[in-house]
């Protein structure tokens, strides 16, 4: 037996010993005189009713191990096969082949596509077939199929994805399906015993045992929004999207199947799972609107270090230092300033800049945020900010321009856009929110935030007027009258 295998076996024997010592019923001991005997453990409910977790602390014979929990949750964990069409190489083994008479004939090049399959796991979280899995399992998939624990196969629809957390929400048809309850990952403690359920290497459903090794893991370079639960429960390729389960029979995380070594997904003694708190928030937004929109404050931040504190004459060991404010952003509107040190958000301490971004990532546009900060020579202040729509969401909402390759997306001015770009209420026009690279608009120098007021000397205040002005123009040149930073200027778009 190798040294690593011996350590692995020793860890498992230790866990079994702990379970044996903590639960008298596991050892077959009788209760002290004068005490009632413990009630027998309830039998596992049938599929379709696993939303009722076992009673906390319920005893079971040691020979059963964690079988009752695995039996309850396994029907809700599914295998996922996602197919993706990718360009293939030209067919044929060389430039010539031999014809029936022995002569050389040029071999035709036949372009074709090949189908690429990815395997993963998922967790059914509602009896009508809503499934949580990883984004990388279904990324760019043209077809997704789900295999239930009883071998039934269903075609799945991708409801929406959130690449920033590596989450995806699928939907299959069905009623009264077995599903797993989502627990509260904010209550997870280091040292808790957990099970990882998934489909490693496409072998079929498997259950592994471990503990919670750490919480709040980040800075791994895997996704933008990292707040992982770390576990030594074996998570392998194919287990991605499976369930990390506590001993109460609740899903506390969605397995991400990543390795601590270089952020490479794969078989590792150290695995990571996306907390159920983050998964639930992303899923709720996707089910409502098809995608996740996070609140935007409009600040640049960095960690507040003791060295920076000494330079500022402040005895501060933590927090996030604001090093930039976006003009017209919610931060500027709320009165935040460059040099402010954020200490708390809604009463919760901010240890560093990552903690600030994680908190903002959990809030939607329109959410109010109480910010406690230090300013100037250490004066403590509290400011309330209302989060806005992120710039990338505005770009997604902007209708495409209809004038050839002009490549300018505009939106009518509303209070949110005026506040974001600092445009006074009395100024009419359309604000530019998209400028496509290598387009005519980009070549002309049009910028995001410009307010277009006229096209070819005709006022435009709606997207329809904007489109019509380009369509009616018979000239190759379009003359735009814009306001940039409050200053008027003409911009010429060359349509040649």
Protein backbone atom coordinates (compact mmCIF):
# COMPACT_ATOMS: atom_id res chain seq x y z
CA UNK A 1 0.00 0.00 0.00
CA UNK A 2 1.43 3.37 -0.95
CA UNK A 3 2.02 6.07 1.63
CA UNK A 4 -0.79 8.21 0.11
CA UNK A 5 -3.26 5.33 0.15
CA UNK A 6 -2.34 4.57 3.76
CA UNK A 7 -3.01 8.17 4.77
CA UNK A 8 -6.34 8.12 2.91
CA UNK A 9 -7.40 4.87 4.66
CA UNK A 10 -6.30 6.23 8.04
CA UNK A 11 -8.43 9.36 7.55
CA UNK A 12 -11.48 7.28 6.73
CA UNK A 13 -10.95 5.02 9.75
CA UNK A 14 -10.65 8.12 11.93
CA UNK A 15 -14.00 9.45 10.66
CA UNK A 16 -15.62 6.08 11.31
CA UNK A 17 -14.14 6.04 14.80
CA UNK A 18 -15.47 9.51 15.52
CA UNK A 19 -18.93 8.50 14.36
CA UNK A 20 -18.66 5.37 16.52
CA UNK A 21 -17.69 7.39 19.60
CA UNK A 22 -20.25 10.18 19.19
CA UNK A 23 -23.34 8.07 18.52
CA UNK A 24 -23.98 5.50 21.28
CA UNK A 25 -26.59 3.76 19.11
CA UNK A 26 -23.87 2.97 16.61
CA UNK A 27 -22.08 0.89 19.30
CA UNK A 28 -25.22 -0.93 20.33
CA UNK A 29 -25.09 0.53 23.88
CA UNK A 30 -28.23 0.55 26.00
CA UNK A 31 -29.51 3.81 27.48
CA UNK A 32 -28.98 4.40 31.17
CA UNK A 33 -31.66 3.16 33.54
CA UNK A 34 -34.62 5.51 33.79
CA UNK A 35 -34.24 6.76 30.25
CA UNK A 36 -36.38 5.80 27.30
CA UNK A 37 -34.75 3.93 24.46
CA UNK A 38 -34.13 6.01 21.33
CA UNK A 39 -36.77 5.77 18.64
CA UNK A 40 -35.80 3.60 15.66
CA UNK A 41 -34.45 5.44 12.62
CA UNK A 42 -37.16 6.17 10.05
CA UNK A 43 -36.99 4.29 6.78
CA UNK A 44 -35.94 6.18 3.66
CA UNK A 45 -38.91 7.78 1.85
CA UNK A 46 -39.63 6.89 -1.75
CA UNK A 47 -38.32 8.95 -4.68
CA UNK A 48 -40.22 12.17 -5.08
CA UNK A 49 -40.36 12.97 -1.37
CA UNK A 50 -36.71 13.41 -0.42
CA UNK A 51 -37.30 17.05 0.39
CA UNK A 52 -37.81 15.94 4.02
CA UNK A 53 -34.28 15.52 5.43
CA UNK A 54 -33.53 13.00 8.16
CA UNK A 55 -33.96 14.22 11.71
CA UNK A 56 -30.77 15.99 12.86
CA UNK A 57 -28.73 13.69 15.06
CA UNK A 58 -30.81 10.65 14.16
CA UNK A 59 -28.83 7.52 15.01
CA UNK A 60 -28.29 4.63 12.65
CA UNK A 61 -26.30 1.40 12.92
CA UNK A 62 -22.62 1.84 12.12
CA UNK A 63 -22.83 -0.93 9.54
CA UNK A 64 -25.12 1.39 7.54
CA UNK A 65 -22.53 4.19 7.56
CA UNK A 66 -23.95 7.12 5.59
CA UNK A 67 -26.13 4.92 3.41
CA UNK A 68 -29.44 6.48 4.57
CA UNK A 69 -28.25 9.94 3.45
CA UNK A 70 -26.90 8.63 0.15
CA UNK A 71 -30.16 6.78 -0.51
CA UNK A 72 -32.18 9.91 0.13
CA UNK A 73 -30.12 12.23 -2.08
CA UNK A 74 -28.86 9.98 -4.88
CA UNK A 75 -32.18 9.97 -6.84
CA UNK A 76 -31.88 13.76 -7.18
CA UNK A 77 -28.36 13.68 -8.65
CA UNK A 78 -28.34 13.17 -12.41
CA UNK A 79 -25.80 12.51 -15.14
CA UNK A 80 -25.52 15.12 -17.91
CA UNK A 81 -24.31 14.64 -21.47
CA UNK A 82 -23.81 17.86 -23.46
CA UNK A 83 -22.98 17.78 -27.18
CA UNK A 84 -21.32 20.63 -29.04
CA UNK A 85 -20.68 21.02 -32.75
CA UNK A 86 -17.13 22.12 -33.48
CA UNK A 87 -15.28 22.55 -36.81
CA UNK A 88 -13.47 19.39 -37.83
CA UNK A 89 -10.45 18.71 -40.01
CA UNK A 90 -10.89 17.96 -43.73
CA UNK A 91 -11.60 14.34 -44.44
CA UNK A 92 -9.04 12.11 -46.09
CA UNK A 93 -5.59 10.79 -45.34
CA UNK A 94 -3.59 12.55 -48.06
CA UNK A 95 -3.64 14.56 -51.30
CA UNK A 96 -4.19 11.50 -53.60
CA UNK A 97 -5.94 8.14 -53.61
CA UNK A 98 -5.75 5.27 -56.11
CA UNK A 99 -8.63 4.75 -58.50
CA UNK A 100 -9.86 1.32 -59.66
CA UNK A 101 -7.41 1.33 -62.61
CA UNK A 102 -4.38 2.11 -60.51
CA UNK A 103 -4.04 5.80 -61.33
CA UNK A 104 -3.67 8.68 -58.90
CA UNK A 105 -6.73 10.90 -58.51
CA UNK A 106 -6.72 14.14 -56.43
CA UNK A 107 -8.63 13.54 -53.23
CA UNK A 108 -11.44 16.08 -52.64
CA UNK A 109 -11.33 18.12 -49.45
CA UNK A 110 -14.64 17.69 -47.62
CA UNK A 111 -15.07 20.04 -44.68
CA UNK A 112 -17.21 18.64 -41.90
CA UNK A 113 -18.15 19.15 -38.30
CA UNK A 114 -17.50 16.84 -35.42
CA UNK A 115 -19.57 16.38 -32.30
CA UNK A 116 -17.80 16.92 -28.99
CA UNK A 117 -19.33 15.44 -25.84
CA UNK A 118 -18.84 16.61 -22.28
CA UNK A 119 -19.99 14.63 -19.28
CA UNK A 120 -20.98 16.02 -15.92
CA UNK A 121 -23.48 15.88 -13.12
CA UNK A 122 -26.40 17.95 -11.92
CA UNK A 123 -28.78 18.26 -8.99
CA UNK A 124 -32.58 18.36 -9.32
CA UNK A 125 -33.72 21.05 -6.87
CA UNK A 126 -37.49 21.11 -7.52
CA UNK A 127 -40.08 18.44 -8.23
CA UNK A 128 -40.90 20.00 -11.63
CA UNK A 129 -37.39 19.41 -12.99
CA UNK A 130 -35.19 22.45 -12.29
CA UNK A 131 -31.54 21.34 -12.30
CA UNK A 132 -28.40 23.08 -11.04
CA UNK A 133 -25.07 22.24 -12.67
CA UNK A 134 -21.81 23.90 -13.74
CA UNK A 135 -21.60 26.32 -16.64
CA UNK A 136 -18.51 24.59 -18.02
CA UNK A 137 -20.49 21.33 -18.31
CA UNK A 138 -22.99 22.82 -20.80
CA UNK A 139 -20.93 25.67 -22.26
CA UNK A 140 -21.73 26.16 -26.00
CA UNK A 141 -23.81 22.97 -26.00
CA UNK A 142 -26.19 22.41 -28.90
CA UNK A 143 -28.01 19.61 -27.09
CA UNK A 144 -28.15 18.54 -23.45
CA UNK A 145 -29.46 15.20 -22.23
CA UNK A 146 -30.08 14.20 -18.63
CA UNK A 147 -29.99 10.64 -17.32
CA UNK A 148 -31.97 10.04 -14.13
CA UNK A 149 -30.91 7.57 -11.47
CA UNK A 150 -33.49 5.04 -12.73
CA UNK A 151 -31.86 5.20 -16.22
CA UNK A 152 -34.62 7.30 -17.76
CA UNK A 153 -33.35 9.85 -20.29
CA UNK A 154 -34.71 13.36 -20.76
CA UNK A 155 -33.78 16.22 -23.06
CA UNK A 156 -32.93 19.35 -21.07
CA UNK A 157 -33.36 23.02 -21.89
CA UNK A 158 -30.73 25.53 -20.76
CA UNK A 159 -32.75 28.17 -18.89
CA UNK A 160 -29.73 30.39 -18.28
CA UNK A 161 -26.10 30.48 -17.21
CA UNK A 162 -23.83 32.52 -14.99
CA UNK A 163 -20.20 32.14 -16.15
CA UNK A 164 -18.94 34.39 -13.35
CA UNK A 165 -19.84 31.69 -10.79
CA UNK A 166 -19.64 28.68 -13.17
CA UNK A 167 -23.33 27.89 -12.68
CA UNK A 168 -26.08 26.87 -15.10
CA UNK A 169 -29.78 26.17 -14.67
CA UNK A 170 -31.45 23.44 -16.74
CA UNK A 171 -35.08 22.32 -17.01
CA UNK A 172 -36.48 18.90 -17.83
CA UNK A 173 -40.13 17.93 -18.17
CA UNK A 174 -41.65 16.00 -15.32
CA UNK A 175 -43.80 16.14 -12.22
CA UNK A 176 -43.15 14.94 -8.70
CA UNK A 177 -39.53 14.18 -9.50
CA UNK A 178 -37.09 13.34 -6.73
CA UNK A 179 -35.30 16.49 -5.70
CA UNK A 180 -32.79 17.59 -3.09
CA UNK A 181 -33.28 20.47 -0.65
CA UNK A 182 -30.80 23.35 -0.71
CA UNK A 183 -29.31 24.03 2.71
CA UNK A 184 -27.82 27.21 4.15
CA UNK A 185 -24.13 27.26 3.25
CA UNK A 186 -23.53 30.29 5.49
CA UNK A 187 -23.81 27.91 8.47
CA UNK A 188 -21.19 25.46 7.18
CA UNK A 189 -18.30 24.93 9.58
CA UNK A 190 -14.80 23.64 8.99
CA UNK A 191 -14.62 20.01 10.08
CA UNK A 192 -18.18 19.05 9.13
CA UNK A 193 -18.58 15.65 7.52
CA UNK A 194 -19.80 15.88 3.92
CA UNK A 195 -20.62 13.58 1.01
CA UNK A 196 -19.90 14.34 -2.65
CA UNK A 197 -22.33 12.71 -5.09
CA UNK A 198 -21.67 12.72 -8.82
CA UNK A 199 -20.67 10.84 -11.96
CA UNK A 200 -16.85 10.59 -12.00
CA UNK A 201 -15.30 9.80 -15.36
CA UNK A 202 -18.72 8.77 -16.71
CA UNK A 203 -18.58 5.56 -14.68
CA UNK A 204 -21.97 6.13 -13.06
CA UNK A 205 -23.17 7.62 -9.85
CA UNK A 206 -20.68 7.51 -6.98
CA UNK A 207 -20.56 8.78 -3.40
CA UNK A 208 -17.38 9.91 -1.65
CA UNK A 209 -16.80 10.95 1.96
CA UNK A 210 -14.78 13.76 3.49
CA UNK A 211 -14.91 16.87 5.63
CA UNK A 212 -15.16 20.59 5.01
CA UNK A 213 -11.52 21.64 4.91
CA UNK A 214 -12.08 25.40 4.55
CA UNK A 215 -14.70 27.97 3.61
CA UNK A 216 -14.46 31.23 1.70
CA UNK A 217 -11.71 30.07 -0.63
CA UNK A 218 -10.93 32.53 -3.42
CA UNK A 219 -8.15 34.04 -5.52
CA UNK A 220 -7.81 30.72 -7.37
CA UNK A 221 -8.17 32.25 -10.83
CA UNK A 222 -10.98 29.89 -11.83
CA UNK A 223 -13.94 32.28 -12.17
CA UNK A 224 -14.64 35.93 -11.36
CA UNK A 225 -16.85 35.29 -8.34
CA UNK A 226 -15.03 32.82 -6.06
CA UNK A 227 -16.17 31.92 -2.56
CA UNK A 228 -15.65 28.16 -2.53
CA UNK A 229 -16.19 25.48 0.09
CA UNK A 230 -13.03 23.39 0.15
CA UNK A 231 -13.34 19.67 0.87
CA UNK A 232 -11.22 16.53 0.81
CA UNK A 233 -14.20 14.48 -0.41
CA UNK A 234 -13.04 13.08 -3.75
CA UNK A 235 -14.30 15.20 -6.67
CA UNK A 236 -13.24 14.04 -10.13
CA UNK A 237 -13.91 14.87 -13.78
CA UNK A 238 -17.55 14.08 -14.45
CA UNK A 239 -18.52 14.99 -10.89
CA UNK A 240 -18.77 18.63 -11.93
CA UNK A 241 -22.22 19.95 -11.06
CA UNK A 242 -22.92 17.21 -8.52
CA UNK A 243 -23.97 17.69 -4.93
CA UNK A 244 -21.95 18.37 -1.80
CA UNK A 245 -24.22 17.15 1.01
CA UNK A 246 -24.15 17.56 4.79
CA UNK A 247 -25.23 14.96 7.34
CA UNK A 248 -28.70 16.53 7.56
CA UNK A 249 -29.33 15.50 3.95
CA UNK A 250 -29.08 19.05 2.55
CA UNK A 251 -27.15 20.26 -0.50
CA UNK A 252 -24.68 22.85 0.77
CA UNK A 253 -22.67 23.15 -2.44
CA UNK A 254 -22.46 22.40 -6.16
CA UNK A 255 -19.24 20.55 -6.90
CA UNK A 256 -16.91 22.48 -9.20
CA UNK A 257 -14.43 19.60 -9.74
CA UNK A 258 -11.30 21.71 -9.61
CA UNK A 259 -7.80 21.07 -8.38
CA UNK A 260 -5.78 23.36 -6.16
CA UNK A 261 -2.81 22.85 -8.48
CA UNK A 262 -2.94 25.55 -11.15
CA UNK A 263 -6.72 25.73 -11.16
CA UNK A 264 -6.93 22.64 -13.39
CA UNK A 265 -10.16 20.71 -13.26
CA UNK A 266 -9.58 17.09 -12.50
CA UNK A 267 -9.02 14.39 -9.95
CA UNK A 268 -7.64 15.96 -6.78
CA UNK A 269 -7.42 15.37 -3.05
CA UNK A 270 -8.54 18.99 -2.69
CA UNK A 271 -11.91 19.80 -4.23
CA UNK A 272 -14.08 22.90 -4.30
CA UNK A 273 -17.82 23.45 -4.33
CA UNK A 274 -19.90 26.55 -5.03
CA UNK A 275 -21.85 27.41 -1.84
CA UNK A 276 -25.60 26.82 -2.01
CA UNK A 277 -26.12 30.45 -0.97
CA UNK A 278 -24.54 31.65 -4.21
CA UNK A 279 -26.20 28.92 -6.27
CA UNK A 280 -29.66 29.77 -4.95
CA UNK A 281 -29.25 33.51 -5.64
CA UNK A 282 -28.07 32.89 -9.21
CA UNK A 283 -30.81 30.32 -9.84
CA UNK A 284 -33.56 32.65 -8.61
CA UNK A 285 -32.45 35.42 -10.99
CA UNK A 286 -32.11 33.03 -13.93
CA UNK A 287 -35.57 31.58 -13.35
CA UNK A 288 -37.03 35.10 -13.22
CA UNK A 289 -35.20 36.73 -16.12
CA UNK A 290 -33.01 34.18 -17.88
CA UNK A 291 -29.68 35.58 -16.67
CA UNK A 292 -27.92 37.05 -13.65
CA UNK A 293 -27.58 40.83 -13.23
CA UNK A 294 -25.40 42.04 -10.37
CA UNK A 295 -25.56 45.45 -8.80
CA UNK A 296 -22.99 48.03 -9.88
CA UNK A 297 -21.38 50.57 -7.56
CA UNK A 298 -18.77 52.05 -9.90
CA UNK A 299 -15.64 52.03 -7.75
CA UNK A 300 -12.10 50.76 -8.10
CA UNK A 301 -10.71 49.21 -4.90
CA UNK A 302 -7.58 47.63 -3.51
CA UNK A 303 -6.63 46.04 -0.21
CA UNK A 304 -5.92 48.39 2.68
CA UNK A 305 -2.48 47.32 3.93
CA UNK A 306 -0.64 48.38 7.11
CA UNK A 307 1.93 50.17 4.92
CA UNK A 308 -0.75 52.29 3.24
CA UNK A 309 -2.29 52.89 6.68
CA UNK A 310 1.03 54.17 8.03
CA UNK A 311 1.39 56.49 5.03
CA UNK A 312 -2.09 57.88 5.72
CA UNK A 313 -1.41 58.14 9.44
CA UNK A 314 -4.17 55.63 10.23
CA UNK A 315 -4.02 52.50 12.37
CA UNK A 316 -6.12 50.34 10.04
CA UNK A 317 -5.31 46.69 9.35
CA UNK A 318 -8.20 45.79 7.04
CA UNK A 319 -10.78 47.18 4.69
CA UNK A 320 -10.96 48.13 1.01
CA UNK A 321 -9.36 51.35 -0.23
CA UNK A 322 -11.27 53.15 -2.99
CA UNK A 323 -8.78 54.16 -5.69
CA UNK A 324 -11.22 55.33 -8.36
CA UNK A 325 -14.80 56.53 -8.91
CA UNK A 326 -16.59 56.13 -12.25
CA UNK A 327 -18.19 59.43 -13.34
CA UNK A 328 -21.98 59.30 -13.06
CA UNK A 329 -21.86 56.04 -11.11
CA UNK A 330 -23.94 55.17 -8.03
CA UNK A 331 -20.77 55.63 -5.98
CA UNK A 332 -20.32 59.23 -7.15
CA UNK A 333 -24.03 59.92 -6.67
CA UNK A 334 -23.85 58.59 -3.08
CA UNK A 335 -20.89 60.82 -2.26
CA UNK A 336 -18.09 58.26 -2.10
CA UNK A 337 -14.62 59.64 -2.75
CA UNK A 338 -11.24 58.36 -3.86
CA UNK A 339 -9.24 57.59 -0.71
CA UNK A 340 -12.23 56.40 1.34
CA UNK A 341 -11.61 53.17 3.28
CA UNK A 342 -14.63 50.86 3.26
CA UNK A 343 -14.91 49.02 6.59
CA UNK A 344 -18.43 47.57 6.53
CA UNK A 345 -21.26 46.80 4.11
CA UNK A 346 -24.69 46.51 5.72
CA UNK A 347 -23.02 46.00 9.09
CA UNK A 348 -20.75 43.16 7.92
CA UNK A 349 -16.99 43.68 8.11
CA UNK A 350 -15.03 44.12 4.87
CA UNK A 351 -11.64 42.48 5.36
CA UNK A 352 -10.29 43.23 1.88
CA UNK A 353 -11.29 44.21 -1.66
CA UNK A 354 -12.37 40.63 -2.45
CA UNK A 355 -14.91 40.70 0.38
CA UNK A 356 -16.37 43.90 -1.08
CA UNK A 357 -16.74 42.38 -4.57
CA UNK A 358 -18.32 39.21 -3.18
CA UNK A 359 -20.89 41.22 -1.27
CA UNK A 360 -21.73 43.38 -4.29
CA UNK A 361 -22.04 40.22 -6.38
CA UNK A 362 -24.89 39.01 -4.18
CA UNK A 363 -26.98 42.16 -4.68
CA UNK A 364 -29.16 43.14 -7.62
CA UNK A 365 -29.52 46.58 -9.25
CA UNK A 366 -31.74 48.81 -7.15
CA UNK A 367 -30.55 47.33 -3.85
CA UNK A 368 -29.72 49.79 -1.10
CA UNK A 369 -26.35 49.39 0.57
CA UNK A 370 -25.17 50.93 3.86
CA UNK A 371 -21.45 51.67 3.66
CA UNK A 372 -19.36 52.41 6.76
CA UNK A 373 -16.04 54.06 5.91
CA UNK A 374 -13.11 56.11 7.13
CA UNK A 375 -12.35 59.44 5.47
CA UNK A 376 -9.58 62.02 5.73
CA UNK A 377 -7.89 61.72 9.13
CA UNK A 378 -9.94 58.72 10.26
CA UNK A 379 -13.39 60.25 10.58
CA UNK A 380 -15.98 57.49 10.45
CA UNK A 381 -18.97 58.03 8.17
CA UNK A 382 -21.98 56.04 6.99
CA UNK A 383 -23.27 56.47 3.44
CA UNK A 384 -26.21 54.85 1.69
CA UNK A 385 -25.84 53.94 -1.98
CA UNK A 386 -28.36 52.53 -4.45
CA UNK A 387 -26.74 50.03 -6.80
CA UNK A 388 -27.21 50.56 -10.53
CA UNK A 389 -27.18 48.48 -13.71
CA UNK A 390 -23.71 47.29 -14.79
CA UNK A 391 -22.36 48.68 -18.08
CA UNK A 392 -22.31 45.24 -19.73
CA UNK A 393 -26.03 44.85 -19.03
CA UNK A 394 -26.72 48.17 -20.73
CA UNK A 395 -24.76 46.95 -23.74
CA UNK A 396 -26.83 43.77 -23.83
CA UNK A 397 -30.07 45.77 -23.74
CA UNK A 398 -29.02 48.21 -26.48
CA UNK A 399 -30.76 47.54 -29.82
CA UNK A 400 -28.38 47.00 -32.77
CA UNK A 401 -28.03 49.87 -35.22
CA UNK A 402 -29.73 49.20 -38.55
CA UNK A 403 -27.50 51.41 -40.71
CA UNK A 404 -25.08 48.94 -42.26
CA UNK A 405 -21.82 48.64 -40.34
CA UNK A 406 -22.29 51.82 -38.30
CA UNK A 407 -21.97 49.72 -35.13
CA UNK A 408 -23.47 52.19 -32.64
CA UNK A 409 -26.01 51.01 -30.05
CA UNK A 410 -28.10 53.72 -28.40
CA UNK A 411 -30.76 53.92 -25.69
CA UNK A 412 -33.26 56.66 -24.79
CA UNK A 413 -32.21 58.74 -21.83
CA UNK A 414 -33.88 57.81 -18.54
CA UNK A 415 -33.06 58.76 -14.92
CA UNK A 416 -30.76 55.76 -14.45
CA UNK A 417 -28.77 56.49 -17.61
CA UNK A 418 -28.61 60.20 -16.82
CA UNK A 419 -27.27 59.39 -13.37
CA UNK A 420 -24.77 56.88 -14.74
CA UNK A 421 -23.28 59.24 -17.34
CA UNK A 422 -23.88 62.54 -15.55
CA UNK A 423 -26.29 63.92 -18.16
CA UNK A 424 -28.53 66.77 -16.93
CA UNK A 425 -32.30 66.30 -17.11
CA UNK A 426 -32.80 69.15 -19.62
CA UNK A 427 -30.55 67.61 -22.31
CA UNK A 428 -32.47 65.59 -24.96
CA UNK A 429 -31.15 62.89 -27.24
CA UNK A 430 -29.93 59.29 -27.26
CA UNK A 431 -26.98 58.03 -25.24
CA UNK A 432 -24.42 55.72 -26.86
CA UNK A 433 -23.97 52.51 -24.84
CA UNK A 434 -22.34 50.27 -27.48
CA UNK A 435 -19.59 50.99 -30.02
CA UNK A 436 -18.64 47.84 -31.90
CA UNK A 437 -14.91 47.40 -32.61
CA UNK A 438 -13.79 48.00 -36.19
CA UNK A 439 -17.15 49.60 -37.06
CA UNK A 440 -17.82 52.88 -38.86
CA UNK A 441 -18.86 54.45 -35.58
CA UNK A 442 -15.60 53.42 -33.93
CA UNK A 443 -13.58 54.75 -36.87
CA UNK A 444 -15.38 58.09 -36.57
CA UNK A 445 -14.46 58.35 -32.90
CA UNK A 446 -17.91 57.90 -31.39
CA UNK A 447 -17.62 57.02 -27.68
CA UNK A 448 -19.78 55.36 -25.09
CA UNK A 449 -21.54 58.11 -23.15
CA UNK A 450 -21.88 60.45 -26.14
CA UNK A 451 -25.36 61.97 -26.48
CA UNK A 452 -26.53 62.00 -30.10
CA UNK A 453 -28.95 64.89 -30.65
CA UNK A 454 -29.06 65.20 -34.45
CA UNK A 455 -28.31 63.08 -37.52
CA UNK A 456 -27.94 65.03 -40.76
CA UNK A 457 -29.43 68.08 -38.96
CA UNK A 458 -32.57 66.19 -37.95
CA UNK A 459 -33.30 65.87 -34.20
CA UNK A 460 -33.43 62.31 -32.85
CA UNK A 461 -34.88 61.39 -29.45
CA UNK A 462 -36.06 57.82 -30.02
CA UNK A 463 -34.41 54.68 -31.38
CA UNK A 464 -36.96 54.69 -34.22
CA UNK A 465 -35.98 58.22 -35.23
CA UNK A 466 -32.33 57.19 -35.04
CA UNK A 467 -32.86 54.25 -37.42
CA UNK A 468 -35.04 56.28 -39.79
CA UNK A 469 -32.48 59.09 -40.02
CA UNK A 470 -29.84 56.66 -41.30
CA UNK A 471 -32.25 54.89 -43.66
CA UNK A 472 -33.52 58.12 -45.22
CA UNK A 473 -30.06 59.49 -45.81
CA UNK A 474 -29.03 59.17 -49.48
CA UNK A 475 -25.50 60.33 -48.80
CA UNK A 476 -22.49 58.23 -47.93
CA UNK A 477 -21.63 60.61 -45.10
CA UNK A 478 -23.69 60.97 -41.96
CA UNK A 479 -23.26 64.10 -39.86
CA UNK A 480 -23.88 63.53 -36.14
CA UNK A 481 -24.29 66.35 -33.64
CA UNK A 482 -23.26 65.02 -30.22
CA UNK A 483 -22.63 66.21 -26.69
CA UNK A 484 -19.50 64.79 -25.11
CA UNK A 485 -18.91 65.69 -21.50
CA UNK A 486 -21.37 68.55 -21.92
CA UNK A 487 -19.47 69.98 -24.90
CA UNK A 488 -21.09 69.97 -28.39
CA UNK A 489 -19.27 68.76 -31.46
CA UNK A 490 -19.90 67.30 -34.93
CA UNK A 491 -18.86 63.76 -35.87
CA UNK A 492 -18.81 62.50 -39.46
CA UNK A 493 -19.44 58.81 -40.18
CA UNK A 494 -18.06 57.72 -43.52
CA UNK A 495 -20.24 55.00 -45.04
CA UNK A 496 -17.84 54.12 -47.87
